[in-house]
């Protein structure tokens, strides 16, 4: 993260307004340290995959019709 911060400073690039990540705690902590003015949001794809993984056991498996070819 420090390298990214240095490149932004070196090339006079504006600090990001919003940063999208997965829920990696070390990365989030680093973002809070080096980009305190930026908003952090979670990636929608990662959230959806997490919900699917956590709830899959509550739903029955698809029923396959023996008369169809898959």
PDB file of N, CA and C in Angstrom:
ATOM      1  N   UNK A   1       0.823  -1.183   0.000  1.00  0.00           N
ATOM      2  CA  UNK A   1       0.000   0.000   0.000  1.00  0.00           C
ATOM      3  C   UNK A   1       0.873   1.255   0.000  1.00  0.00           C
ATOM      4  N   UNK A   2       2.006   1.170   0.672  1.00  0.00           N
ATOM      5  CA  UNK A   2       2.900   2.327   0.716  1.00  0.00           C
ATOM      6  C   UNK A   2       3.435   2.647  -0.686  1.00  0.00           C
ATOM      7  N   UNK A   3       3.675   1.591  -1.485  1.00  0.00           N
ATOM      8  CA  UNK A   3       4.151   1.805  -2.857  1.00  0.00           C
ATOM      9  C   UNK A   3       3.098   2.544  -3.689  1.00  0.00           C
ATOM     10  N   UNK A   4       1.857   2.132  -3.544  1.00  0.00           N
ATOM     11  CA  UNK A   4       0.757   2.779  -4.256  1.00  0.00           C
ATOM     12  C   UNK A   4       0.654   4.240  -3.827  1.00  0.00           C
ATOM     13  N   UNK A   5       0.775   4.473  -2.535  1.00  0.00           N
ATOM     14  CA  UNK A   5       0.727   5.833  -1.987  1.00  0.00           C
ATOM     15  C   UNK A   5       1.863   6.678  -2.564  1.00  0.00           C
ATOM     16  N   UNK A   6       3.056   6.095  -2.669  1.00  0.00           N
ATOM     17  CA  UNK A   6       4.212   6.811  -3.209  1.00  0.00           C
ATOM     18  C   UNK A   6       4.033   7.162  -4.684  1.00  0.00           C
ATOM     19  N   UNK A   7       3.483   6.245  -5.471  1.00  0.00           N
ATOM     20  CA  UNK A   7       3.242   6.516  -6.895  1.00  0.00           C
ATOM     21  C   UNK A   7       2.237   7.653  -7.053  1.00  0.00           C
ATOM     22  N   UNK A   8       1.199   7.651  -6.257  1.00  0.00           N
ATOM     23  CA  UNK A   8       0.200   8.722  -6.304  1.00  0.00           C
ATOM     24  C   UNK A   8       0.856  10.068  -6.013  1.00  0.00           C
ATOM     25  N   UNK A   9       1.698  10.101  -4.997  1.00  0.00           N
ATOM     26  CA  UNK A   9       2.389  11.343  -4.642  1.00  0.00           C
ATOM     27  C   UNK A   9       3.388  11.745  -5.726  1.00  0.00           C
ATOM     28  N   UNK A  10       4.145  10.787  -6.244  1.00  0.00           N
ATOM     29  CA  UNK A  10       5.177  11.069  -7.240  1.00  0.00           C
ATOM     30  C   UNK A  10       4.597  11.672  -8.511  1.00  0.00           C
ATOM     31  N   UNK A  11       3.467  11.166  -8.962  1.00  0.00           N
ATOM     32  CA  UNK A  11       2.876  11.628 -10.218  1.00  0.00           C
ATOM     33  C   UNK A  11       1.723  12.616 -10.015  1.00  0.00           C
ATOM     34  N   UNK A  12       1.604  13.102  -8.803  1.00  0.00           N
ATOM     35  CA  UNK A  12       0.602  14.127  -8.503  1.00  0.00           C
ATOM     36  C   UNK A  12      -0.817  13.682  -8.875  1.00  0.00           C
ATOM     37  N   UNK A  13      -1.151  12.439  -8.565  1.00  0.00           N
ATOM     38  CA  UNK A  13      -2.465  11.866  -8.852  1.00  0.00           C
ATOM     39  C   UNK A  13      -3.357  12.092  -7.639  1.00  0.00           C
ATOM     40  N   UNK A  14      -4.607  12.437  -7.895  1.00  0.00           N
ATOM     41  CA  UNK A  14      -5.552  12.635  -6.794  1.00  0.00           C
ATOM     42  C   UNK A  14      -5.779  11.333  -6.034  1.00  0.00           C
ATOM     43  N   UNK A  15      -6.009  11.461  -4.737  1.00  0.00           N
ATOM     44  CA  UNK A  15      -6.311  10.297  -3.905  1.00  0.00           C
ATOM     45  C   UNK A  15      -7.651   9.709  -4.340  1.00  0.00           C
ATOM     46  N   UNK A  16      -7.770   8.374  -4.370  1.00  0.00           N
ATOM     47  CA  UNK A  16      -9.047   7.765  -4.784  1.00  0.00           C
ATOM     48  C   UNK A  16     -10.179   8.148  -3.838  1.00  0.00           C
ATOM     49  N   UNK A  17     -11.350   8.390  -4.414  1.00  0.00           N
ATOM     50  CA  UNK A  17     -12.520   8.733  -3.609  1.00  0.00           C
ATOM     51  C   UNK A  17     -13.089   7.470  -2.974  1.00  0.00           C
ATOM     52  N   UNK A  18     -13.170   6.401  -3.771  1.00  0.00           N
ATOM     53  CA  UNK A  18     -13.717   5.130  -3.313  1.00  0.00           C
ATOM     54  C   UNK A  18     -12.789   3.999  -3.739  1.00  0.00           C
ATOM     55  N   UNK A  19     -12.618   3.037  -2.834  1.00  0.00           N
ATOM     56  CA  UNK A  19     -11.794   1.864  -3.123  1.00  0.00           C
ATOM     57  C   UNK A  19     -12.648   0.628  -2.873  1.00  0.00           C
ATOM     58  N   UNK A  20     -12.687  -0.278  -3.849  1.00  0.00           N
ATOM     59  CA  UNK A  20     -13.486  -1.500  -3.766  1.00  0.00           C
ATOM     60  C   UNK A  20     -12.546  -2.689  -3.544  1.00  0.00           C
ATOM     61  N   UNK A  21     -12.839  -3.490  -2.514  1.00  0.00           N
ATOM     62  CA  UNK A  21     -12.006  -4.654  -2.212  1.00  0.00           C
ATOM     63  C   UNK A  21     -12.880  -5.822  -1.770  1.00  0.00           C
ATOM     64  N   UNK A  22     -12.211  -6.973  -1.592  1.00  0.00           N
ATOM     65  CA  UNK A  22     -12.871  -8.075  -0.908  1.00  0.00           C
ATOM     66  C   UNK A  22     -12.705  -7.795   0.597  1.00  0.00           C
ATOM     67  N   UNK A  23     -13.060  -8.708   1.438  1.00  0.00           N
ATOM     68  CA  UNK A  23     -13.021  -8.450   2.876  1.00  0.00           C
ATOM     69  C   UNK A  23     -11.710  -8.945   3.496  1.00  0.00           C
ATOM     70  N   UNK A  24     -10.604  -8.520   2.944  1.00  0.00           N
ATOM     71  CA  UNK A  24      -9.301  -8.873   3.483  1.00  0.00           C
ATOM     72  C   UNK A  24      -8.936  -7.844   4.551  1.00  0.00           C
ATOM     73  N   UNK A  25      -8.925  -8.277   5.799  1.00  0.00           N
ATOM     74  CA  UNK A  25      -8.761  -7.377   6.940  1.00  0.00           C
ATOM     75  C   UNK A  25      -7.459  -6.584   6.877  1.00  0.00           C
ATOM     76  N   UNK A  26      -6.361  -7.223   6.510  1.00  0.00           N
ATOM     77  CA  UNK A  26      -5.069  -6.519   6.431  1.00  0.00           C
ATOM     78  C   UNK A  26      -5.127  -5.397   5.395  1.00  0.00           C
ATOM     79  N   UNK A  27      -5.755  -5.658   4.263  1.00  0.00           N
ATOM     80  CA  UNK A  27      -5.882  -4.646   3.223  1.00  0.00           C
ATOM     81  C   UNK A  27      -6.753  -3.486   3.700  1.00  0.00           C
ATOM     82  N   UNK A  28      -7.861  -3.797   4.346  1.00  0.00           N
ATOM     83  CA  UNK A  28      -8.752  -2.763   4.865  1.00  0.00           C
ATOM     84  C   UNK A  28      -8.031  -1.892   5.885  1.00  0.00           C
ATOM     85  N   UNK A  29      -7.274  -2.516   6.785  1.00  0.00           N
ATOM     86  CA  UNK A  29      -6.515  -1.750   7.774  1.00  0.00           C
ATOM     87  C   UNK A  29      -5.491  -0.846   7.103  1.00  0.00           C
ATOM     88  N   UNK A  30      -4.841  -1.353   6.069  1.00  0.00           N
ATOM     89  CA  UNK A  30      -3.859  -0.571   5.337  1.00  0.00           C
ATOM     90  C   UNK A  30      -4.526   0.615   4.626  1.00  0.00           C
ATOM     91  N   UNK A  31      -5.692   0.368   4.036  1.00  0.00           N
ATOM     92  CA  UNK A  31      -6.427   1.457   3.380  1.00  0.00           C
ATOM     93  C   UNK A  31      -6.786   2.549   4.375  1.00  0.00           C
ATOM     94  N   UNK A  32      -7.229   2.137   5.560  1.00  0.00           N
ATOM     95  CA  UNK A  32      -7.590   3.117   6.590  1.00  0.00           C
ATOM     96  C   UNK A  32      -6.384   3.948   7.018  1.00  0.00           C
ATOM     97  N   UNK A  33      -5.219   3.339   6.998  1.00  0.00           N
ATOM     98  CA  UNK A  33      -3.993   4.038   7.405  1.00  0.00           C
ATOM     99  C   UNK A  33      -3.489   4.985   6.311  1.00  0.00           C
ATOM    100  N   UNK A  34      -3.400   4.496   5.062  1.00  0.00           N
ATOM    101  CA  UNK A  34      -2.791   5.271   3.990  1.00  0.00           C
ATOM    102  C   UNK A  34      -3.768   6.114   3.173  1.00  0.00           C
ATOM    103  N   UNK A  35      -5.048   5.774   3.220  1.00  0.00           N
ATOM    104  CA  UNK A  35      -6.061   6.536   2.494  1.00  0.00           C
ATOM    105  C   UNK A  35      -7.259   6.825   3.401  1.00  0.00           C
ATOM    106  N   UNK A  36      -7.032   7.562   4.481  1.00  0.00           N
ATOM    107  CA  UNK A  36      -8.122   7.798   5.446  1.00  0.00           C
ATOM    108  C   UNK A  36      -9.288   8.607   4.866  1.00  0.00           C
ATOM    109  N   UNK A  37      -9.039   9.380   3.820  1.00  0.00           N
ATOM    110  CA  UNK A  37     -10.109  10.180   3.223  1.00  0.00           C
ATOM    111  C   UNK A  37     -10.928   9.433   2.199  1.00  0.00           C
ATOM    112  N   UNK A  38     -10.521   8.229   1.843  1.00  0.00           N
ATOM    113  CA  UNK A  38     -11.240   7.436   0.840  1.00  0.00           C
ATOM    114  C   UNK A  38     -12.304   6.562   1.497  1.00  0.00           C
ATOM    115  N   UNK A  39     -13.378   6.358   0.776  1.00  0.00           N
ATOM    116  CA  UNK A  39     -14.431   5.470   1.238  1.00  0.00           C
ATOM    117  C   UNK A  39     -14.113   4.057   0.776  1.00  0.00           C
ATOM    118  N   UNK A  40     -14.299   3.104   1.659  1.00  0.00           N
ATOM    119  CA  UNK A  40     -14.051   1.703   1.319  1.00  0.00           C
ATOM    120  C   UNK A  40     -15.383   0.989   1.201  1.00  0.00           C
ATOM    121  N   UNK A  41     -15.581   0.269   0.107  1.00  0.00           N
ATOM    122  CA  UNK A  41     -16.790  -0.548  -0.039  1.00  0.00           C
ATOM    123  C   UNK A  41     -16.380  -1.960  -0.440  1.00  0.00           C
ATOM    124  N   UNK A  42     -17.244  -2.905  -0.105  1.00  0.00           N
ATOM    125  CA  UNK A  42     -16.976  -4.301  -0.437  1.00  0.00           C
ATOM    126  C   UNK A  42     -17.451  -4.604  -1.846  1.00  0.00           C
ATOM    127  N   UNK A  43     -16.716  -5.460  -2.513  1.00  0.00           N
ATOM    128  CA  UNK A  43     -17.036  -5.893  -3.863  1.00  0.00           C
ATOM    129  C   UNK A  43     -18.337  -6.703  -3.840  1.00  0.00           C
ATOM    130  N   UNK A  44     -19.269  -6.334  -4.678  1.00  0.00           N
ATOM    131  CA  UNK A  44     -20.571  -7.005  -4.719  1.00  0.00           C
ATOM    132  C   UNK A  44     -20.423  -8.487  -5.073  1.00  0.00           C
ATOM    133  N   UNK A  45     -19.522  -8.816  -5.988  1.00  0.00           N
ATOM    134  CA  UNK A  45     -19.312 -10.208  -6.377  1.00  0.00           C
ATOM    135  C   UNK A  45     -18.846 -11.022  -5.177  1.00  0.00           C
ATOM    136  N   UNK A  46     -17.887 -10.508  -4.417  1.00  0.00           N
ATOM    137  CA  UNK A  46     -17.389 -11.224  -3.251  1.00  0.00           C
ATOM    138  C   UNK A  46     -18.482 -11.393  -2.195  1.00  0.00           C
ATOM    139  N   UNK A  47     -19.304 -10.375  -2.002  1.00  0.00           N
ATOM    140  CA  UNK A  47     -20.414 -10.480  -1.046  1.00  0.00           C
ATOM    141  C   UNK A  47     -21.382 -11.566  -1.504  1.00  0.00           C
ATOM    142  N   UNK A  48     -21.731 -11.571  -2.792  1.00  0.00           N
ATOM    143  CA  UNK A  48     -22.659 -12.589  -3.313  1.00  0.00           C
ATOM    144  C   UNK A  48     -22.095 -13.994  -3.154  1.00  0.00           C
ATOM    145  N   UNK A  49     -20.810 -14.179  -3.446  1.00  0.00           N
ATOM    146  CA  UNK A  49     -20.194 -15.502  -3.305  1.00  0.00           C
ATOM    147  C   UNK A  49     -20.180 -15.947  -1.841  1.00  0.00           C
ATOM    148  N   UNK A  50     -19.977 -15.015  -0.933  1.00  0.00           N
ATOM    149  CA  UNK A  50     -19.983 -15.343   0.488  1.00  0.00           C
ATOM    150  C   UNK A  50     -21.385 -15.758   0.941  1.00  0.00           C
ATOM    151  N   UNK A  51     -22.398 -15.032   0.504  1.00  0.00           N
ATOM    152  CA  UNK A  51     -23.787 -15.379   0.850  1.00  0.00           C
ATOM    153  C   UNK A  51     -24.114 -16.761   0.301  1.00  0.00           C
ATOM    154  N   UNK A  52     -23.747 -17.026  -0.930  1.00  0.00           N
ATOM    155  CA  UNK A  52     -24.002 -18.335  -1.548  1.00  0.00           C
ATOM    156  C   UNK A  52     -23.319 -19.448  -0.762  1.00  0.00           C
ATOM    157  N   UNK A  53     -22.071 -19.248  -0.410  1.00  0.00           N
ATOM    158  CA  UNK A  53     -21.327 -20.273   0.328  1.00  0.00           C
ATOM    159  C   UNK A  53     -21.941 -20.536   1.703  1.00  0.00           C
ATOM    160  N   UNK A  54     -22.411 -19.490   2.364  1.00  0.00           N
ATOM    161  CA  UNK A  54     -22.942 -19.640   3.717  1.00  0.00           C
ATOM    162  C   UNK A  54     -24.375 -20.179   3.748  1.00  0.00           C
ATOM    163  N   UNK A  55     -25.120 -20.014   2.661  1.00  0.00           N
ATOM    164  CA  UNK A  55     -26.536 -20.418   2.672  1.00  0.00           C
ATOM    165  C   UNK A  55     -26.832 -21.654   1.824  1.00  0.00           C
ATOM    166  N   UNK A  56     -25.862 -22.147   1.094  1.00  0.00           N
ATOM    167  CA  UNK A  56     -26.068 -23.274   0.180  1.00  0.00           C
ATOM    168  C   UNK A  56     -26.693 -24.481   0.882  1.00  0.00           C
ATOM    169  N   UNK A  57     -26.285 -24.740   2.105  1.00  0.00           N
ATOM    170  CA  UNK A  57     -26.773 -25.927   2.821  1.00  0.00           C
ATOM    171  C   UNK A  57     -28.259 -25.844   3.189  1.00  0.00           C
ATOM    172  N   UNK A  58     -28.838 -24.646   3.136  1.00  0.00           N
ATOM    173  CA  UNK A  58     -30.241 -24.474   3.492  1.00  0.00           C
ATOM    174  C   UNK A  58     -31.196 -24.730   2.332  1.00  0.00           C
ATOM    175  N   UNK A  59     -30.670 -24.909   1.135  1.00  0.00           N
ATOM    176  CA  UNK A  59     -31.501 -25.103  -0.042  1.00  0.00           C
ATOM    177  C   UNK A  59     -31.288 -26.502  -0.608  1.00  0.00           C
ATOM    178  N   UNK A  60     -32.367 -27.125  -1.092  1.00  0.00           N
ATOM    179  CA  UNK A  60     -32.211 -28.475  -1.654  1.00  0.00           C
ATOM    180  C   UNK A  60     -31.431 -28.432  -2.958  1.00  0.00           C
ATOM    181  N   UNK A  61     -30.771 -29.542  -3.241  1.00  0.00           N
ATOM    182  CA  UNK A  61     -30.037 -29.639  -4.505  1.00  0.00           C
ATOM    183  C   UNK A  61     -31.041 -29.723  -5.646  1.00  0.00           C
ATOM    184  N   UNK A  62     -30.669 -29.262  -6.836  1.00  0.00           N
ATOM    185  CA  UNK A  62     -31.587 -29.346  -7.983  1.00  0.00           C
ATOM    186  C   UNK A  62     -31.953 -30.803  -8.286  1.00  0.00           C
ATOM    187  N   UNK A  63     -33.191 -31.000  -8.638  1.00  0.00           N
ATOM    188  CA  UNK A  63     -33.657 -32.332  -9.003  1.00  0.00           C
ATOM    189  C   UNK A  63     -33.450 -32.523 -10.493  1.00  0.00           C
ATOM    190  N   UNK A  64     -32.796 -33.619 -10.857  1.00  0.00           N
ATOM    191  CA  UNK A  64     -32.535 -33.872 -12.260  1.00  0.00           C
ATOM    192  C   UNK A  64     -33.562 -34.862 -12.795  1.00  0.00           C
ATOM    193  N   UNK A  65     -34.203 -34.500 -13.878  1.00  0.00           N
ATOM    194  CA  UNK A  65     -35.187 -35.359 -14.524  1.00  0.00           C
ATOM    195  C   UNK A  65     -34.444 -36.443 -15.300  1.00  0.00           C
ATOM    196  N   UNK A  66     -34.692 -37.722 -14.974  1.00  0.00           N
ATOM    197  CA  UNK A  66     -33.961 -38.796 -15.669  1.00  0.00           C
ATOM    198  C   UNK A  66     -34.244 -38.864 -17.163  1.00  0.00           C
ATOM    199  N   UNK A  67     -35.323 -38.233 -17.615  1.00  0.00           N
ATOM    200  CA  UNK A  67     -35.669 -38.246 -19.043  1.00  0.00           C
ATOM    201  C   UNK A  67     -34.960 -37.191 -19.852  1.00  0.00           C
ATOM    202  N   UNK A  68     -34.208 -36.307 -19.224  1.00  0.00           N
ATOM    203  CA  UNK A  68     -33.518 -35.256 -19.968  1.00  0.00           C
ATOM    204  C   UNK A  68     -32.028 -35.539 -20.039  1.00  0.00           C
ATOM    205  N   UNK A  69     -31.434 -35.027 -21.068  1.00  0.00           N
ATOM    206  CA  UNK A  69     -29.985 -35.174 -21.241  1.00  0.00           C
ATOM    207  C   UNK A  69     -29.332 -33.884 -20.796  1.00  0.00           C
ATOM    208  N   UNK A  70     -28.315 -34.019 -19.949  1.00  0.00           N
ATOM    209  CA  UNK A  70     -27.645 -32.797 -19.479  1.00  0.00           C
ATOM    210  C   UNK A  70     -26.272 -32.658 -20.054  1.00  0.00           C
TER     211      UNK A  70
END
